[in-house]
């Protein structure tokens, strides 16, 4: 599940880097595709994380503490990486509402 979740997450990142004109932009099929990919990413990555947390809760007295620590460290690293990509390196471009796009 984690491998498939990683594939869907990679597609999410690909769509972000293609902004403001990702494939199938401004189409119903594109909207449905993005919705399906996001939902499947959260399910395919979230469920194994839930299973690991439950296993640690049952089998380790300090497991949940360290699981929480690792989640917080991962969230911090991800937020720093996202900040650097958006603010420092300007990798993503915003679509202005009144500007016509040439995709």
N, C-alpha and C. Protein backbone atom coordinates (compact mmCIF):
# COMPACT_ATOMS: atom_id res chain seq x y z
N UNK A 1 0.82 -1.20 0.00
CA UNK A 1 0.00 0.00 0.00
C UNK A 1 0.86 1.26 0.00
N UNK A 2 1.93 1.21 0.78
CA UNK A 2 2.80 2.39 0.83
C UNK A 2 3.45 2.68 -0.52
N UNK A 3 3.79 1.63 -1.24
CA UNK A 3 4.40 1.83 -2.56
C UNK A 3 3.41 2.49 -3.52
N UNK A 4 2.18 1.99 -3.53
CA UNK A 4 1.16 2.59 -4.39
C UNK A 4 0.84 4.02 -3.94
N UNK A 5 0.82 4.24 -2.62
CA UNK A 5 0.62 5.60 -2.11
C UNK A 5 1.74 6.53 -2.52
N UNK A 6 2.96 6.00 -2.58
CA UNK A 6 4.10 6.81 -3.02
C UNK A 6 3.97 7.18 -4.49
N UNK A 7 3.43 6.26 -5.28
CA UNK A 7 3.22 6.54 -6.71
C UNK A 7 2.18 7.65 -6.88
N UNK A 8 1.07 7.55 -6.15
CA UNK A 8 0.04 8.59 -6.27
C UNK A 8 0.55 9.93 -5.74
N UNK A 9 1.35 9.90 -4.68
CA UNK A 9 1.94 11.13 -4.16
C UNK A 9 2.89 11.75 -5.18
N UNK A 10 3.66 10.92 -5.86
CA UNK A 10 4.57 11.42 -6.90
C UNK A 10 3.79 12.10 -8.02
N UNK A 11 2.63 11.54 -8.37
CA UNK A 11 1.80 12.18 -9.39
C UNK A 11 1.26 13.51 -8.89
N UNK A 12 0.91 13.58 -7.58
CA UNK A 12 0.48 14.86 -6.99
C UNK A 12 1.57 15.91 -7.12
N UNK A 13 2.79 15.53 -6.80
CA UNK A 13 3.91 16.47 -6.89
C UNK A 13 4.15 16.89 -8.34
N UNK A 14 4.03 15.94 -9.26
CA UNK A 14 4.17 16.26 -10.69
C UNK A 14 3.15 17.32 -11.11
N UNK A 15 1.90 17.15 -10.68
CA UNK A 15 0.87 18.13 -11.03
C UNK A 15 1.19 19.50 -10.44
N UNK A 16 1.73 19.52 -9.23
CA UNK A 16 2.09 20.80 -8.60
C UNK A 16 3.20 21.50 -9.37
N UNK A 17 4.19 20.75 -9.81
CA UNK A 17 5.30 21.38 -10.54
C UNK A 17 4.88 21.85 -11.93
N UNK A 18 3.79 21.34 -12.46
CA UNK A 18 3.30 21.78 -13.77
C UNK A 18 2.38 23.00 -13.65
N UNK A 19 2.23 23.57 -12.46
CA UNK A 19 1.35 24.71 -12.29
C UNK A 19 1.88 25.91 -13.06
N UNK A 20 1.04 26.79 -13.55
CA UNK A 20 -0.40 26.83 -13.40
C UNK A 20 -1.16 26.10 -14.50
N UNK A 21 -0.49 25.33 -15.34
CA UNK A 21 -1.15 24.61 -16.43
C UNK A 21 -0.88 23.11 -16.33
N UNK A 22 -1.45 22.43 -15.33
CA UNK A 22 -1.22 20.99 -15.27
C UNK A 22 -1.99 20.28 -16.37
N UNK A 23 -1.67 19.01 -16.63
CA UNK A 23 -2.42 18.26 -17.63
C UNK A 23 -3.91 18.23 -17.28
N UNK A 24 -4.74 18.32 -18.28
CA UNK A 24 -6.20 18.29 -18.14
C UNK A 24 -6.73 19.47 -17.33
N UNK A 25 -6.04 20.62 -17.34
CA UNK A 25 -6.53 21.75 -16.55
C UNK A 25 -7.82 22.29 -17.16
N UNK A 26 -8.69 22.76 -16.30
CA UNK A 26 -9.99 23.33 -16.68
C UNK A 26 -10.89 22.34 -17.41
N UNK A 27 -10.80 21.06 -17.07
CA UNK A 27 -11.71 20.06 -17.62
C UNK A 27 -12.33 19.26 -16.48
N UNK A 28 -13.47 18.68 -16.75
CA UNK A 28 -14.12 17.84 -15.74
C UNK A 28 -13.27 16.61 -15.46
N UNK A 29 -12.69 16.02 -16.51
CA UNK A 29 -11.85 14.83 -16.32
C UNK A 29 -10.64 15.15 -15.45
N UNK A 30 -10.05 16.32 -15.64
CA UNK A 30 -8.90 16.71 -14.83
C UNK A 30 -9.27 16.91 -13.38
N UNK A 31 -10.43 17.52 -13.13
CA UNK A 31 -10.88 17.72 -11.76
C UNK A 31 -11.15 16.39 -11.07
N UNK A 32 -11.79 15.48 -11.78
CA UNK A 32 -12.07 14.16 -11.21
C UNK A 32 -10.78 13.40 -10.97
N UNK A 33 -9.84 13.49 -11.89
CA UNK A 33 -8.55 12.82 -11.74
C UNK A 33 -7.80 13.33 -10.51
N UNK A 34 -7.73 14.64 -10.35
CA UNK A 34 -7.03 15.22 -9.20
C UNK A 34 -7.72 14.81 -7.90
N UNK A 35 -9.04 14.85 -7.86
CA UNK A 35 -9.77 14.43 -6.66
C UNK A 35 -9.49 12.97 -6.33
N UNK A 36 -9.55 12.11 -7.33
CA UNK A 36 -9.30 10.68 -7.12
C UNK A 36 -7.88 10.42 -6.64
N UNK A 37 -6.91 11.10 -7.23
CA UNK A 37 -5.51 10.91 -6.84
C UNK A 37 -5.28 11.38 -5.41
N UNK A 38 -5.83 12.54 -5.04
CA UNK A 38 -5.64 13.03 -3.67
C UNK A 38 -6.29 12.09 -2.66
N UNK A 39 -7.51 11.66 -2.93
CA UNK A 39 -8.18 10.74 -1.99
C UNK A 39 -7.42 9.43 -1.86
N UNK A 40 -6.98 8.88 -2.97
CA UNK A 40 -6.26 7.61 -2.91
C UNK A 40 -4.91 7.78 -2.22
N UNK A 41 -4.26 8.93 -2.37
CA UNK A 41 -2.99 9.17 -1.68
C UNK A 41 -3.21 9.16 -0.17
N UNK A 42 -4.21 9.89 0.30
CA UNK A 42 -4.46 9.93 1.73
C UNK A 42 -4.85 8.57 2.29
N UNK A 43 -5.62 7.81 1.55
CA UNK A 43 -6.02 6.48 2.02
C UNK A 43 -4.84 5.52 2.00
N UNK A 44 -4.09 5.51 0.90
CA UNK A 44 -3.00 4.54 0.76
C UNK A 44 -1.81 4.84 1.67
N UNK A 45 -1.64 6.07 2.10
CA UNK A 45 -0.56 6.39 3.03
C UNK A 45 -1.09 6.44 4.47
N UNK A 46 -2.32 6.87 4.66
CA UNK A 46 -2.87 7.00 6.01
C UNK A 46 -3.21 5.68 6.67
N UNK A 47 -3.74 4.73 5.92
CA UNK A 47 -4.12 3.46 6.53
C UNK A 47 -2.92 2.67 7.07
N UNK A 48 -1.84 2.50 6.31
CA UNK A 48 -0.67 1.81 6.89
C UNK A 48 -0.11 2.54 8.11
N UNK A 49 -0.17 3.85 8.12
CA UNK A 49 0.29 4.61 9.30
C UNK A 49 -0.59 4.30 10.50
N UNK A 50 -1.88 4.18 10.28
CA UNK A 50 -2.80 3.81 11.36
C UNK A 50 -2.51 2.41 11.87
N UNK A 51 -2.24 1.48 10.97
CA UNK A 51 -1.92 0.10 11.36
C UNK A 51 -0.63 0.07 12.19
N UNK A 52 0.38 0.83 11.77
CA UNK A 52 1.64 0.88 12.53
C UNK A 52 1.41 1.48 13.91
N UNK A 53 0.61 2.53 14.00
CA UNK A 53 0.34 3.14 15.30
C UNK A 53 -0.38 2.17 16.22
N UNK A 54 -1.33 1.42 15.69
CA UNK A 54 -2.05 0.44 16.50
C UNK A 54 -1.11 -0.67 16.96
N UNK A 55 -0.23 -1.13 16.09
CA UNK A 55 0.73 -2.17 16.46
C UNK A 55 1.65 -1.67 17.57
N UNK A 56 2.15 -0.46 17.44
CA UNK A 56 3.03 0.10 18.47
C UNK A 56 2.29 0.31 19.78
N UNK A 57 1.04 0.70 19.72
CA UNK A 57 0.25 0.91 20.93
C UNK A 57 0.11 -0.38 21.72
N UNK A 58 -0.07 -1.48 21.02
CA UNK A 58 -0.28 -2.78 21.67
C UNK A 58 1.04 -3.38 22.16
N UNK A 59 2.10 -3.29 21.37
CA UNK A 59 3.33 -4.05 21.64
C UNK A 59 4.46 -3.27 22.29
N UNK A 60 4.35 -1.98 22.44
CA UNK A 60 5.47 -1.22 22.99
C UNK A 60 4.95 -0.18 23.98
N UNK A 61 5.54 -0.14 25.18
CA UNK A 61 5.05 0.84 26.16
C UNK A 61 5.34 2.30 25.75
N UNK A 62 6.45 2.55 25.09
CA UNK A 62 6.79 3.91 24.65
C UNK A 62 6.58 4.09 23.15
N UNK A 63 5.98 3.12 22.49
CA UNK A 63 5.84 3.15 21.04
C UNK A 63 5.04 4.33 20.52
N UNK A 64 3.94 4.64 21.19
CA UNK A 64 3.10 5.74 20.72
C UNK A 64 3.81 7.08 20.87
N UNK A 65 4.60 7.23 21.95
CA UNK A 65 5.35 8.47 22.12
C UNK A 65 6.31 8.67 20.96
N UNK A 66 7.10 7.63 20.64
CA UNK A 66 8.09 7.77 19.57
C UNK A 66 7.43 7.84 18.20
N UNK A 67 6.28 7.22 18.06
CA UNK A 67 5.52 7.35 16.82
C UNK A 67 5.07 8.80 16.64
N UNK A 68 4.59 9.42 17.70
CA UNK A 68 4.19 10.82 17.64
C UNK A 68 5.37 11.74 17.36
N UNK A 69 6.52 11.43 17.99
CA UNK A 69 7.72 12.23 17.74
C UNK A 69 8.12 12.14 16.28
N UNK A 70 8.11 10.92 15.74
CA UNK A 70 8.51 10.76 14.33
C UNK A 70 7.52 11.46 13.40
N UNK A 71 6.24 11.45 13.74
CA UNK A 71 5.25 12.17 12.92
C UNK A 71 5.52 13.68 12.94
N UNK A 72 5.83 14.21 14.11
CA UNK A 72 6.08 15.65 14.23
C UNK A 72 7.37 16.05 13.51
N UNK A 73 8.40 15.22 13.62
CA UNK A 73 9.66 15.50 12.92
C UNK A 73 9.43 15.46 11.41
N UNK A 74 8.67 14.47 10.94
CA UNK A 74 8.37 14.39 9.51
C UNK A 74 7.56 15.58 9.02
N UNK A 75 6.60 16.03 9.84
CA UNK A 75 5.81 17.20 9.47
C UNK A 75 6.68 18.45 9.41
N UNK A 76 7.62 18.57 10.34
CA UNK A 76 8.53 19.72 10.34
C UNK A 76 9.42 19.72 9.10
N UNK A 77 9.99 18.57 8.77
CA UNK A 77 10.86 18.47 7.60
C UNK A 77 10.07 18.77 6.32
N UNK A 78 8.85 18.23 6.23
CA UNK A 78 8.01 18.49 5.06
C UNK A 78 7.62 19.95 4.94
N UNK A 79 7.32 20.60 6.06
CA UNK A 79 6.94 22.01 5.99
C UNK A 79 8.13 22.89 5.63
N UNK A 80 9.33 22.56 6.11
CA UNK A 80 10.52 23.33 5.72
C UNK A 80 10.79 23.15 4.23
N UNK A 81 10.67 21.91 3.74
CA UNK A 81 10.88 21.67 2.31
C UNK A 81 9.86 22.43 1.47
N UNK A 82 8.59 22.40 1.88
CA UNK A 82 7.55 23.12 1.14
C UNK A 82 7.80 24.63 1.17
N UNK A 83 8.21 25.15 2.32
CA UNK A 83 8.50 26.58 2.42
C UNK A 83 9.64 26.97 1.47
N UNK A 84 10.68 26.16 1.46
CA UNK A 84 11.81 26.47 0.59
C UNK A 84 11.41 26.43 -0.88
N UNK A 85 10.61 25.43 -1.27
CA UNK A 85 10.18 25.33 -2.67
C UNK A 85 9.30 26.51 -3.08
N UNK A 86 8.43 26.95 -2.17
CA UNK A 86 7.49 28.01 -2.53
C UNK A 86 8.13 29.39 -2.41
N UNK A 87 8.74 29.68 -1.28
CA UNK A 87 9.21 31.04 -1.02
C UNK A 87 10.62 31.31 -1.55
N UNK A 88 11.53 30.38 -1.35
CA UNK A 88 12.92 30.64 -1.71
C UNK A 88 13.19 30.37 -3.18
N UNK A 89 12.75 29.21 -3.66
CA UNK A 89 13.07 28.82 -5.03
C UNK A 89 11.97 29.15 -6.04
N UNK A 90 10.80 29.59 -5.59
CA UNK A 90 9.67 29.99 -6.44
C UNK A 90 9.37 28.94 -7.51
N UNK A 91 9.20 27.70 -7.08
CA UNK A 91 8.96 26.60 -8.02
C UNK A 91 7.52 26.55 -8.52
N UNK A 92 6.59 27.12 -7.78
CA UNK A 92 5.18 27.05 -8.15
C UNK A 92 4.70 28.42 -8.58
N UNK A 93 3.89 28.44 -9.62
CA UNK A 93 3.38 29.70 -10.14
C UNK A 93 1.87 29.75 -9.96
N UNK A 94 1.40 30.90 -9.50
CA UNK A 94 -0.02 31.08 -9.24
C UNK A 94 -0.75 31.49 -10.51
N UNK A 95 -1.95 30.96 -10.69
CA UNK A 95 -2.80 31.37 -11.80
C UNK A 95 -3.60 32.58 -11.34
N UNK A 96 -3.40 33.70 -12.00
CA UNK A 96 -4.13 34.91 -11.63
C UNK A 96 -5.55 34.83 -12.19
N UNK A 97 -6.55 35.28 -11.43
CA UNK A 97 -7.95 35.08 -11.83
C UNK A 97 -8.34 35.78 -13.14
N UNK A 98 -7.82 36.95 -13.42
CA UNK A 98 -8.23 37.69 -14.61
C UNK A 98 -7.25 37.57 -15.77
N UNK A 99 -6.27 36.75 -15.63
CA UNK A 99 -5.24 36.63 -16.66
C UNK A 99 -5.52 35.41 -17.54
N UNK A 100 -5.60 35.61 -18.86
CA UNK A 100 -5.79 34.44 -19.74
C UNK A 100 -4.50 33.60 -19.79
N UNK A 101 -4.67 32.30 -19.77
CA UNK A 101 -3.51 31.40 -19.78
C UNK A 101 -3.25 30.85 -21.17
N UNK A 102 -2.01 30.74 -21.50
CA UNK A 102 -1.59 30.09 -22.73
C UNK A 102 -0.89 28.78 -22.34
N UNK A 103 -1.66 27.73 -22.26
CA UNK A 103 -1.09 26.44 -21.84
C UNK A 103 -0.57 25.65 -23.02
